[in-house]
N, C-alpha and C. Protein backbone atom coordinates (compact mmCIF):
# COMPACT_ATOMS: atom_id res chain seq x y z
N MET A 1 67.42 40.82 25.77
CA MET A 1 67.09 39.92 26.23
C MET A 1 65.58 39.24 25.52
N ALA A 2 64.88 40.08 24.69
CA ALA A 2 64.38 40.19 23.75
C ALA A 2 64.97 39.41 22.43
N LEU A 3 65.94 39.75 21.96
CA LEU A 3 66.66 39.37 20.65
C LEU A 3 67.25 37.49 21.31
N GLU A 4 67.41 37.62 22.66
CA GLU A 4 67.13 35.95 22.95
C GLU A 4 66.15 35.04 22.98
N ILE A 5 64.73 36.02 22.63
CA ILE A 5 63.35 35.29 23.02
C ILE A 5 63.36 35.13 21.63
N GLU A 6 63.27 35.96 20.88
CA GLU A 6 63.39 35.94 19.52
C GLU A 6 63.94 34.75 18.51
N VAL A 7 65.42 34.36 18.85
CA VAL A 7 65.94 33.50 18.42
C VAL A 7 65.63 32.18 18.79
N LEU A 8 65.29 31.91 20.19
CA LEU A 8 64.46 30.81 20.88
C LEU A 8 63.33 30.94 19.85
N LYS A 9 62.58 31.37 19.33
CA LYS A 9 61.06 31.33 18.89
C LYS A 9 61.96 30.69 17.37
N GLN A 10 62.62 31.76 16.71
CA GLN A 10 62.80 31.24 15.36
C GLN A 10 63.45 29.50 15.56
N GLU A 11 64.56 29.22 16.59
CA GLU A 11 64.87 28.00 16.97
C GLU A 11 63.67 26.96 16.73
N LEU A 12 62.63 27.22 17.85
CA LEU A 12 61.62 26.52 17.90
C LEU A 12 60.87 26.42 16.92
N LYS A 13 60.59 27.25 16.16
CA LYS A 13 59.21 27.40 14.54
C LYS A 13 60.68 26.16 13.83
N THR A 14 61.80 26.47 13.70
CA THR A 14 62.64 25.49 13.11
C THR A 14 62.18 24.16 13.61
N MET A 15 62.37 24.22 14.89
CA MET A 15 62.56 22.44 15.37
C MET A 15 60.98 21.86 14.86
N VAL A 16 59.62 22.85 14.87
CA VAL A 16 58.12 22.54 14.74
C VAL A 16 58.55 21.84 12.90
N GLU A 17 59.09 22.76 12.16
CA GLU A 17 58.98 21.99 10.89
C GLU A 17 59.63 21.02 10.97
N LEU A 18 60.92 20.69 11.16
CA LEU A 18 61.52 19.62 11.32
C LEU A 18 60.89 18.37 11.51
N MET A 19 60.03 18.57 12.53
CA MET A 19 59.24 17.67 13.29
C MET A 19 58.38 17.17 12.38
N ASP A 20 57.74 18.07 11.54
CA ASP A 20 57.01 18.08 10.47
C ASP A 20 57.32 17.50 9.53
N ARG A 21 58.40 17.79 9.03
CA ARG A 21 58.73 16.64 7.97
C ARG A 21 59.11 15.83 8.20
N ILE A 22 59.78 15.21 9.75
CA ILE A 22 60.10 13.91 9.72
C ILE A 22 58.52 13.32 10.05
N LYS A 23 57.44 13.71 10.38
CA LYS A 23 56.13 13.07 10.39
C LYS A 23 56.08 12.76 9.10
N GLU A 24 55.91 13.69 7.78
CA GLU A 24 55.58 13.10 6.94
C GLU A 24 56.36 12.09 5.96
N SER A 25 58.04 12.27 6.30
CA SER A 25 58.19 11.56 6.26
C SER A 25 58.41 9.81 6.38
N GLU A 26 58.00 9.60 7.41
CA GLU A 26 57.68 8.55 8.22
C GLU A 26 56.30 8.12 7.63
N ALA A 27 55.60 8.96 7.15
CA ALA A 27 54.40 8.61 6.88
C ALA A 27 54.37 8.36 5.34
N ALA A 28 54.89 8.68 4.49
CA ALA A 28 55.45 8.44 3.31
C ALA A 28 56.28 7.14 3.30
N SER A 29 57.16 6.90 4.19
CA SER A 29 57.58 5.50 4.47
C SER A 29 56.97 4.52 4.70
N ALA A 30 55.95 4.62 5.38
CA ALA A 30 54.76 3.75 5.86
C ALA A 30 54.12 3.36 4.73
N VAL A 31 53.90 3.97 4.30
CA VAL A 31 52.95 4.01 2.56
C VAL A 31 53.94 2.99 1.60
N ALA A 32 55.05 3.30 1.80
CA ALA A 32 56.03 2.85 0.36
C ALA A 32 56.12 1.46 1.16
N LYS A 33 56.22 1.17 2.72
CA LYS A 33 56.41 -0.30 2.95
C LYS A 33 54.79 -0.98 2.74
N ASP A 34 54.04 -0.18 3.05
CA ASP A 34 52.79 -1.05 2.81
C ASP A 34 52.65 -1.77 1.16
N GLU A 35 53.03 -0.97 0.01
CA GLU A 35 53.06 -0.66 -0.80
C GLU A 35 54.41 -2.31 -1.46
N LEU A 36 55.02 -2.17 -0.67
CA LEU A 36 56.42 -3.09 -1.05
C LEU A 36 55.82 -4.39 -0.69
N GLU A 37 54.98 -4.29 0.64
CA GLU A 37 54.80 -5.53 1.01
C GLU A 37 53.47 -6.33 0.56
N ARG A 38 52.88 -5.31 -0.15
CA ARG A 38 51.41 -6.04 -1.41
C ARG A 38 51.86 -6.31 -2.75
N SER A 39 53.51 -6.05 -3.05
CA SER A 39 53.88 -6.28 -4.04
C SER A 39 54.59 -7.40 -4.18
N HIS A 40 55.71 -7.62 -2.85
CA HIS A 40 55.78 -8.77 -2.24
C HIS A 40 55.00 -9.91 -2.23
N GLY A 41 54.10 -9.51 -2.07
CA GLY A 41 52.36 -10.68 -1.57
C GLY A 41 52.59 -11.01 -3.65
N ALA A 42 51.57 -10.00 -3.88
CA ALA A 42 51.46 -10.44 -5.12
C ALA A 42 52.64 -11.62 -5.94
N ALA A 43 54.24 -11.13 -5.61
CA ALA A 43 55.26 -11.52 -6.56
C ALA A 43 55.05 -13.13 -5.89
N GLN A 44 54.93 -13.29 -4.69
CA GLN A 44 55.01 -14.06 -4.07
C GLN A 44 53.56 -15.64 -4.89
N SER A 45 52.50 -14.74 -4.99
CA SER A 45 51.46 -15.52 -4.96
C SER A 45 51.77 -15.84 -6.67
N GLU A 46 52.46 -15.48 -7.47
CA GLU A 46 52.73 -15.51 -9.15
C GLU A 46 53.82 -16.42 -9.20
N LEU A 47 54.60 -16.42 -8.21
CA LEU A 47 55.62 -17.40 -8.27
C LEU A 47 54.66 -18.89 -7.91
N LYS A 48 53.98 -18.73 -6.65
CA LYS A 48 53.68 -20.32 -6.43
C LYS A 48 52.40 -20.59 -7.67
N ALA A 49 51.87 -19.69 -8.86
CA ALA A 49 51.40 -20.63 -9.47
C ALA A 49 52.12 -20.94 -10.70
N ALA A 50 53.50 -19.86 -11.00
CA ALA A 50 54.46 -20.42 -11.54
C ALA A 50 54.63 -21.75 -11.40
N MET A 51 55.26 -22.24 -10.07
CA MET A 51 55.75 -23.24 -9.52
C MET A 51 54.55 -24.36 -9.86
N LEU A 52 53.23 -24.46 -9.75
CA LEU A 52 52.37 -25.23 -9.59
C LEU A 52 52.24 -25.78 -11.77
N ARG A 53 52.36 -24.49 -12.39
CA ARG A 53 52.16 -24.44 -13.91
C ARG A 53 53.06 -25.33 -14.11
N LEU A 54 54.33 -25.24 -13.84
CA LEU A 54 55.64 -26.14 -13.67
C LEU A 54 55.64 -27.57 -13.18
N GLU A 55 55.09 -27.74 -12.29
CA GLU A 55 55.09 -29.12 -11.71
C GLU A 55 54.08 -29.48 -13.08
N ALA A 56 52.92 -28.87 -13.65
CA ALA A 56 52.07 -29.72 -14.05
C ALA A 56 52.71 -30.37 -15.47
N LEU A 57 53.43 -29.08 -16.29
CA LEU A 57 53.88 -29.11 -17.43
C LEU A 57 55.29 -30.42 -16.92
N GLU A 58 55.20 -30.43 -16.31
CA GLU A 58 56.34 -32.00 -15.78
C GLU A 58 55.64 -33.24 -15.42
N ALA A 59 54.37 -33.15 -15.40
CA ALA A 59 53.83 -33.92 -15.05
C ALA A 59 53.49 -34.50 -16.64
N GLU A 60 52.88 -33.46 -17.37
CA GLU A 60 52.59 -33.80 -18.55
C GLU A 60 54.02 -34.49 -19.52
N MET A 61 54.87 -33.91 -19.12
CA MET A 61 56.45 -34.40 -19.82
C MET A 61 56.41 -35.69 -19.69
N ARG A 62 56.22 -36.00 -18.69
CA ARG A 62 57.21 -37.74 -18.18
C ARG A 62 55.69 -37.98 -18.59
N GLU A 63 54.14 -38.34 -18.63
CA GLU A 63 53.18 -38.85 -19.20
C GLU A 63 53.54 -38.88 -20.88
N VAL A 64 53.85 -37.86 -21.46
CA VAL A 64 54.08 -38.08 -22.86
C VAL A 64 55.50 -39.12 -22.96
N GLN A 65 56.46 -38.53 -22.29
CA GLN A 65 58.00 -39.67 -22.41
C GLN A 65 57.43 -40.93 -22.11
N GLY A 66 56.28 -41.58 -21.29
CA GLY A 66 56.08 -42.70 -20.91
C GLY A 66 55.64 -43.42 -22.50
N GLU A 67 54.58 -42.15 -22.84
CA GLU A 67 53.91 -42.76 -24.36
C GLU A 67 54.78 -43.03 -25.65
N LEU A 68 56.06 -42.13 -25.49
CA LEU A 68 56.73 -42.27 -26.33
C LEU A 68 57.46 -43.46 -26.05
N GLU A 69 57.89 -44.23 -24.80
CA GLU A 69 58.69 -45.31 -24.75
C GLU A 69 57.84 -46.57 -25.13
N GLU A 70 56.54 -46.22 -25.15
CA GLU A 70 55.24 -47.36 -25.44
C GLU A 70 55.57 -47.59 -27.06
N ALA A 71 55.40 -46.05 -27.48
CA ALA A 71 55.21 -46.38 -28.81
C ALA A 71 56.49 -46.83 -29.57
N THR A 72 57.63 -46.17 -29.09
CA THR A 72 59.11 -46.98 -29.73
C THR A 72 59.30 -48.58 -29.24
N ALA A 73 58.68 -48.74 -28.52
CA ALA A 73 58.43 -50.37 -28.39
C ALA A 73 57.74 -51.07 -29.08
N ALA A 74 56.37 -50.97 -29.25
CA ALA A 74 55.70 -51.15 -30.41
C ALA A 74 55.95 -51.08 -31.60
N LYS A 75 57.00 -50.42 -31.95
CA LYS A 75 57.61 -49.99 -33.46
C LYS A 75 58.50 -51.07 -33.36
N THR A 76 59.44 -51.07 -32.50
CA THR A 76 60.08 -52.24 -32.66
C THR A 76 59.77 -53.60 -32.48
N ALA A 77 58.45 -53.89 -32.21
CA ALA A 77 58.20 -54.83 -32.07
C ALA A 77 57.38 -55.51 -33.68
N LEU A 78 56.57 -54.20 -33.98
CA LEU A 78 55.94 -54.60 -35.27
C LEU A 78 57.42 -54.71 -36.27
N GLU A 79 58.33 -54.03 -36.19
CA GLU A 79 59.25 -53.86 -37.03
C GLU A 79 59.77 -55.74 -37.38
N ALA A 80 60.23 -56.23 -36.22
CA ALA A 80 60.05 -57.60 -35.70
C ALA A 80 59.50 -58.61 -36.46
N ALA A 81 58.23 -58.38 -35.90
CA ALA A 81 56.96 -59.30 -36.81
C ALA A 81 56.83 -59.22 -38.26
N MET A 82 57.47 -57.92 -39.04
CA MET A 82 57.42 -57.54 -40.10
C MET A 82 58.58 -58.86 -40.71
N LYS A 83 59.93 -58.53 -40.11
CA LYS A 83 60.83 -59.71 -40.17
C LYS A 83 60.19 -60.64 -40.50
N GLU A 84 59.89 -61.52 -39.42
CA GLU A 84 59.54 -62.44 -39.86
C GLU A 84 58.49 -62.91 -40.99
N THR A 85 57.37 -62.12 -40.95
CA THR A 85 56.40 -62.40 -42.31
C THR A 85 57.27 -62.20 -43.67
N LEU A 86 58.22 -61.40 -43.40
CA LEU A 86 59.25 -61.42 -44.79
C LEU A 86 59.98 -63.00 -44.76
N LYS A 87 60.40 -63.04 -43.65
CA LYS A 87 61.24 -64.25 -43.39
C LYS A 87 59.80 -65.79 -44.32
N GLY A 88 58.90 -65.90 -43.49
CA GLY A 88 58.03 -66.52 -44.61
C GLY A 88 57.41 -66.73 -45.03
N THR A 89 57.16 -65.28 -46.27
CA THR A 89 57.11 -65.14 -47.75
C THR A 89 58.36 -65.58 -47.93
N ALA A 90 59.43 -65.48 -48.27
CA ALA A 90 60.57 -65.99 -48.65
C ALA A 90 60.35 -67.24 -48.93
N SER A 91 60.24 -68.03 -47.54
CA SER A 91 60.11 -69.27 -47.62
C SER A 91 58.84 -69.94 -48.45
N VAL A 92 58.24 -69.58 -48.24
CA VAL A 92 56.63 -70.09 -49.26
C VAL A 92 56.88 -69.95 -50.39
N GLN A 93 57.71 -68.66 -50.58
CA GLN A 93 57.84 -68.46 -52.23
C GLN A 93 58.59 -69.39 -52.92
N ARG A 94 60.04 -69.85 -51.95
CA ARG A 94 60.58 -70.47 -52.43
C ARG A 94 59.88 -72.60 -52.74
N GLU A 95 59.25 -72.41 -51.33
CA GLU A 95 58.40 -73.86 -51.31
C GLU A 95 57.34 -74.12 -52.84
N LEU A 96 57.17 -72.96 -53.02
CA LEU A 96 56.67 -72.83 -54.19
C LEU A 96 56.96 -73.12 -55.51
N GLN A 97 58.07 -72.22 -55.61
CA GLN A 97 59.14 -72.43 -57.08
C GLN A 97 59.64 -73.60 -56.71
N VAL A 98 59.77 -74.55 -55.98
CA VAL A 98 60.45 -76.03 -55.59
C VAL A 98 59.07 -76.80 -56.30
N CYS A 99 57.87 -76.68 -55.78
CA CYS A 99 56.57 -76.78 -56.51
C CYS A 99 56.32 -76.99 -58.29
N LEU A 100 56.48 -75.84 -57.73
CA LEU A 100 56.32 -75.55 -59.52
C LEU A 100 57.32 -76.28 -60.52
N THR A 101 58.39 -75.67 -60.07
CA THR A 101 59.81 -76.90 -60.99
C THR A 101 59.54 -78.33 -60.79
N ASP A 102 59.05 -78.82 -60.00
CA ASP A 102 58.68 -80.16 -59.68
C ASP A 102 57.70 -80.90 -61.05
N ALA A 103 56.17 -79.74 -60.52
CA ALA A 103 55.55 -79.83 -61.79
C ALA A 103 55.46 -79.80 -63.45
N ALA A 104 56.81 -79.18 -63.57
CA ALA A 104 56.85 -78.78 -64.38
C ALA A 104 57.64 -79.71 -65.39
């Protein structure tokens, strides 16, 4: 009977040790879970900030694209005006040449 009691004590001791290990493991798991949730929250915040920066850059890009289109249109208009000026200058030169020829 004493042997059976000793075996039961040893089994009880082993069970208590296992229960302590389970509690330690659960505590470590809870800490890891909290850390994971904090890092997930931080990552979500960083992602939101990056998305806001991306939206701002896209808005700036659209603005620059609009300015580029306006500049291109102004350049085209300026080129057309320069062509007309050159045509007018050539016409005036021809008329001046005719006048000089007639005067001579």
